[in-house]
Amino acid sequence: MKTAKTKKRIVVPVFDTDNKEVEKMELDPAVFDGKISKGSIYQAVKNCLANKRLGTAATKTRGEVAGSGKKPWRQKGTGRARVGSVRTPLWRHGGTVFGPQPRDFSYQLPKKIKQLALKSALNDRAANNEIVIINTLISDSYKTKRFAEIMKKLKINEKILLVMNAINDNVLLSIRNIPFVKVVNPQSLNAYEVMRHKKILFTKESLQQVIARLK
């Protein structure tokens, strides 16, 4: 008789801002199960990039370019090719045929695919030890120098995504001059942002919110 396989427990350290381990945290196996769906990640990234497109490219048709609507010369008897308007696409400065027009590239992706993509992206980062958890990141007087010191102590010097629920002005002011850091809240976290950043820095509370969102 076959016994049911138990999911492997993943226990990760939780650090403070001085890079000292303060506790251990078990990642919920319902979310961090090690399964990675590359197809869902591809669809989520493609959807996010499509929704970011402005779609403002435009060319003028023969009805929009400048020029008279008068027939340049009579139809027959001149020895030249017949033509009806100086705005014809066959002439220089004429209109464009089938050129790009403003359009909306955005589309909706099913919620289940978005969740599977985010779950898969997080599992990929966890498998490569690219998720860092700190107990808290709150201060009344944040400065860029102080935040840079925290990143140095955590040994993070590459593109990082900071996920925290209490995003205040102090945090935003402290990271705006650091080009490789971006901050998001747990509700807006998506697979695209996870995949485009090398490291994911969670506060303990924000990670719990993301897990609750995906369960």
Protein backbone atom coordinates (compact mmCIF):
# COMPACT_ATOMS: atom_id res chain seq x y z
CA MET A 1 0.00 0.00 0.00
CA LYS A 2 1.40 3.38 -1.08
CA THR A 3 1.61 6.13 1.48
CA ALA A 4 0.87 9.73 0.62
CA LYS A 5 3.94 11.88 0.10
CA THR A 6 4.33 14.67 2.59
CA LYS A 7 5.34 18.07 1.27
CA LYS A 8 8.86 19.13 2.11
CA ARG A 9 9.04 21.78 4.80
CA ILE A 10 10.98 24.89 3.88
CA VAL A 11 12.40 26.78 6.85
CA VAL A 12 14.16 30.09 6.20
CA PRO A 13 15.95 32.50 8.53
CA VAL A 14 14.51 35.90 9.42
CA PHE A 15 17.06 38.69 9.82
CA ASP A 16 17.02 42.14 11.34
CA THR A 17 18.41 45.25 9.64
CA ASP A 18 21.89 44.40 10.98
CA ASN A 19 21.82 41.02 9.19
CA LYS A 20 21.53 39.11 12.46
CA GLU A 21 19.28 36.05 12.46
CA VAL A 22 16.44 36.61 14.94
CA GLU A 23 14.20 33.61 14.24
CA LYS A 24 13.24 30.83 11.84
CA MET A 25 10.14 30.96 9.63
CA GLU A 26 8.47 28.01 7.94
CA LEU A 27 7.14 28.80 4.48
CA ASP A 28 3.63 27.53 3.90
CA PRO A 29 3.85 24.39 1.68
CA ALA A 30 0.52 25.32 0.10
CA VAL A 31 2.34 28.16 -1.68
CA PHE A 32 6.01 27.17 -1.60
CA ASP A 33 5.60 23.65 -2.99
CA GLY A 34 8.50 23.83 -5.44
CA LYS A 35 6.27 23.68 -8.52
CA ILE A 36 7.07 26.14 -11.31
CA SER A 37 4.70 26.72 -14.22
CA LYS A 38 6.77 28.40 -16.93
CA GLY A 39 3.71 28.78 -19.17
CA SER A 40 1.79 30.83 -16.60
CA ILE A 41 4.85 33.03 -15.92
CA TYR A 42 5.18 33.68 -19.66
CA GLN A 43 1.51 34.63 -19.95
CA ALA A 44 1.65 36.92 -16.90
CA VAL A 45 4.78 38.73 -18.08
CA LYS A 46 3.37 39.12 -21.60
CA ASN A 47 0.11 40.49 -20.18
CA CYS A 48 1.90 42.98 -17.94
CA LEU A 49 4.08 44.26 -20.78
CA ALA A 50 1.06 44.56 -23.09
CA ASN A 51 -0.85 46.55 -20.45
CA LYS A 52 2.11 48.94 -20.15
CA ARG A 53 2.12 49.76 -23.86
CA LEU A 54 0.83 53.24 -24.66
CA GLY A 55 -0.33 52.40 -28.16
CA THR A 56 0.13 56.01 -29.33
CA ALA A 57 1.97 55.30 -32.60
CA ALA A 58 0.09 56.95 -35.47
CA THR A 59 0.49 57.88 -39.14
CA LYS A 60 -1.62 60.19 -41.29
CA THR A 61 -3.90 58.79 -43.98
CA ARG A 62 -4.57 60.61 -47.26
CA GLY A 63 -7.54 62.27 -45.59
CA GLU A 64 -5.33 63.79 -42.86
CA VAL A 65 -2.20 65.03 -44.66
CA ALA A 66 -1.93 68.64 -45.85
CA GLY A 67 -2.68 69.30 -49.50
CA SER A 68 -5.37 70.34 -51.92
CA GLY A 69 -8.13 68.02 -53.01
CA LYS A 70 -8.09 69.46 -56.51
CA LYS A 71 -7.14 67.20 -59.40
CA PRO A 72 -3.59 68.28 -60.43
CA TRP A 73 -4.24 67.97 -64.19
CA ARG A 74 -6.85 66.67 -66.52
CA GLN A 75 -7.40 62.94 -66.85
CA LYS A 76 -6.35 62.52 -70.47
CA GLY A 77 -4.21 64.18 -73.09
CA THR A 78 -1.21 65.32 -71.07
CA GLY A 79 0.96 62.25 -71.57
CA ARG A 80 1.38 61.86 -67.82
CA ALA A 81 -0.07 59.23 -65.57
CA ARG A 82 -3.57 59.94 -64.30
CA VAL A 83 -3.79 61.18 -60.72
CA GLY A 84 -6.65 62.48 -58.61
CA SER A 85 -4.97 64.23 -55.65
CA VAL A 86 -1.58 65.41 -54.43
CA ARG A 87 -2.34 63.55 -51.20
CA THR A 88 -2.19 60.16 -52.85
CA PRO A 89 0.01 57.61 -51.00
CA LEU A 90 1.99 57.15 -54.23
CA TRP A 91 3.44 60.63 -53.99
CA ARG A 92 5.99 62.16 -51.63
CA HIS A 93 4.25 63.86 -48.66
CA GLY A 94 1.17 61.81 -49.40
CA GLY A 95 -0.82 59.73 -46.93
CA THR A 96 0.23 56.38 -45.47
CA VAL A 97 -1.61 53.19 -46.36
CA PHE A 98 -2.38 50.80 -43.48
CA GLY A 99 -0.04 52.65 -41.11
CA PRO A 100 -0.25 52.28 -37.30
CA GLN A 101 -3.15 53.99 -35.54
CA PRO A 102 -3.69 54.61 -31.79
CA ARG A 103 -4.95 51.44 -30.13
CA ASP A 104 -5.29 49.75 -26.76
CA PHE A 105 -3.01 46.72 -26.32
CA SER A 106 -4.25 45.82 -22.82
CA TYR A 107 -6.26 42.69 -22.09
CA GLN A 108 -7.48 40.76 -19.07
CA LEU A 109 -5.77 37.63 -17.82
CA PRO A 110 -7.71 35.09 -15.73
CA LYS A 111 -7.15 35.52 -12.00
CA LYS A 112 -6.11 31.89 -11.53
CA ILE A 113 -3.33 32.23 -14.11
CA LYS A 114 -2.07 35.39 -12.39
CA GLN A 115 -1.99 33.63 -9.03
CA LEU A 116 -0.28 30.54 -10.46
CA ALA A 117 2.29 32.76 -12.18
CA LEU A 118 3.09 34.66 -8.97
CA LYS A 119 3.28 31.42 -7.00
CA SER A 120 5.61 29.91 -9.61
CA ALA A 121 7.82 33.01 -9.69
CA LEU A 122 8.17 32.97 -5.90
CA ASN A 123 9.02 29.25 -5.96
CA ASP A 124 11.70 29.96 -8.57
CA ARG A 125 13.24 32.68 -6.41
CA ALA A 126 13.04 30.47 -3.29
CA ALA A 127 14.73 27.59 -5.11
CA ASN A 128 17.65 29.89 -5.97
CA ASN A 129 17.91 31.36 -2.45
CA GLU A 130 16.97 34.81 -3.75
CA ILE A 131 14.32 35.57 -1.12
CA VAL A 132 15.46 37.53 1.93
CA ILE A 133 13.19 38.06 4.96
CA ILE A 134 13.65 40.73 7.61
CA ASN A 135 11.57 41.14 10.73
CA THR A 136 10.74 44.82 10.24
CA LEU A 137 11.77 47.90 8.28
CA ILE A 138 10.20 50.90 10.01
CA SER A 139 11.87 54.15 10.96
CA ASP A 140 10.76 57.72 11.57
CA SER A 141 13.84 59.28 10.01
CA TYR A 142 14.87 57.28 6.98
CA LYS A 143 17.70 58.58 4.80
CA THR A 144 19.24 57.15 1.66
CA LYS A 145 22.55 56.65 3.49
CA ARG A 146 20.82 54.61 6.20
CA PHE A 147 18.94 52.44 3.69
CA ALA A 148 22.16 51.89 1.70
CA GLU A 149 23.84 50.74 4.91
CA ILE A 150 21.05 48.22 5.52
CA MET A 151 21.43 46.84 1.98
CA LYS A 152 25.19 46.57 2.50
CA LYS A 153 24.77 44.68 5.77
CA LEU A 154 22.27 42.32 4.10
CA LYS A 155 24.86 41.84 1.31
CA ILE A 156 22.45 43.01 -1.36
CA ASN A 157 24.02 45.00 -4.18
CA GLU A 158 21.88 43.95 -7.14
CA LYS A 159 18.41 44.64 -8.50
CA ILE A 160 16.05 44.20 -5.58
CA LEU A 161 12.29 44.26 -5.05
CA LEU A 162 11.27 45.41 -1.58
CA VAL A 163 7.84 44.14 -0.51
CA MET A 164 6.37 45.89 2.52
CA ASN A 165 2.85 46.86 3.60
CA ALA A 166 3.62 50.13 5.38
CA ILE A 167 5.02 52.23 2.53
CA ASN A 168 5.33 55.74 3.90
CA ASP A 169 7.03 58.88 2.61
CA ASN A 170 10.17 58.18 4.62
CA VAL A 171 10.69 54.87 2.85
CA LEU A 172 10.02 56.34 -0.60
CA LEU A 173 12.41 59.24 0.04
CA SER A 174 15.12 56.89 1.27
CA ILE A 175 15.13 54.66 -1.83
CA ARG A 176 14.40 57.12 -4.65
CA ASN A 177 18.12 57.79 -5.26
CA ILE A 178 19.01 54.09 -5.30
CA PRO A 179 18.41 52.94 -8.90
CA PHE A 180 18.35 49.18 -8.25
CA VAL A 181 15.63 49.22 -5.55
CA LYS A 182 11.87 49.21 -6.14
CA VAL A 183 9.20 49.01 -3.44
CA VAL A 184 5.71 47.48 -3.77
CA ASN A 185 3.00 46.37 -1.36
CA PRO A 186 1.78 42.75 -1.03
CA GLN A 187 -1.47 43.49 -2.89
CA SER A 188 0.24 44.78 -6.04
CA LEU A 189 3.01 42.16 -6.16
CA ASN A 190 2.97 40.26 -9.46
CA ALA A 191 5.02 37.69 -11.37
CA TYR A 192 6.50 40.29 -13.74
CA GLU A 193 8.06 42.32 -10.90
CA VAL A 194 9.34 39.16 -9.19
CA MET A 195 11.04 37.89 -12.36
CA ARG A 196 12.64 41.20 -13.35
CA HIS A 197 14.38 41.62 -9.98
CA LYS A 198 17.30 39.51 -8.83
CA LYS A 199 16.49 39.57 -5.11
CA ILE A 200 13.13 39.78 -3.30
CA LEU A 201 13.26 41.42 0.13
CA PHE A 202 10.18 40.72 2.26
CA THR A 203 9.27 41.99 5.66
CA LYS A 204 7.89 39.11 7.70
CA GLU A 205 4.40 40.65 7.77
CA SER A 206 4.31 41.33 4.01
CA LEU A 207 5.31 37.74 3.21
CA GLN A 208 2.50 36.44 5.42
CA GLN A 209 0.06 38.65 3.51
CA VAL A 210 1.31 37.38 0.14
CA ILE A 211 0.92 33.76 1.33
CA ALA A 212 -2.61 34.47 2.57
CA ARG A 213 -3.42 36.04 -0.80
CA LEU A 214 -2.23 32.98 -2.75
CA LYS A 215 -3.81 30.28 -0.56
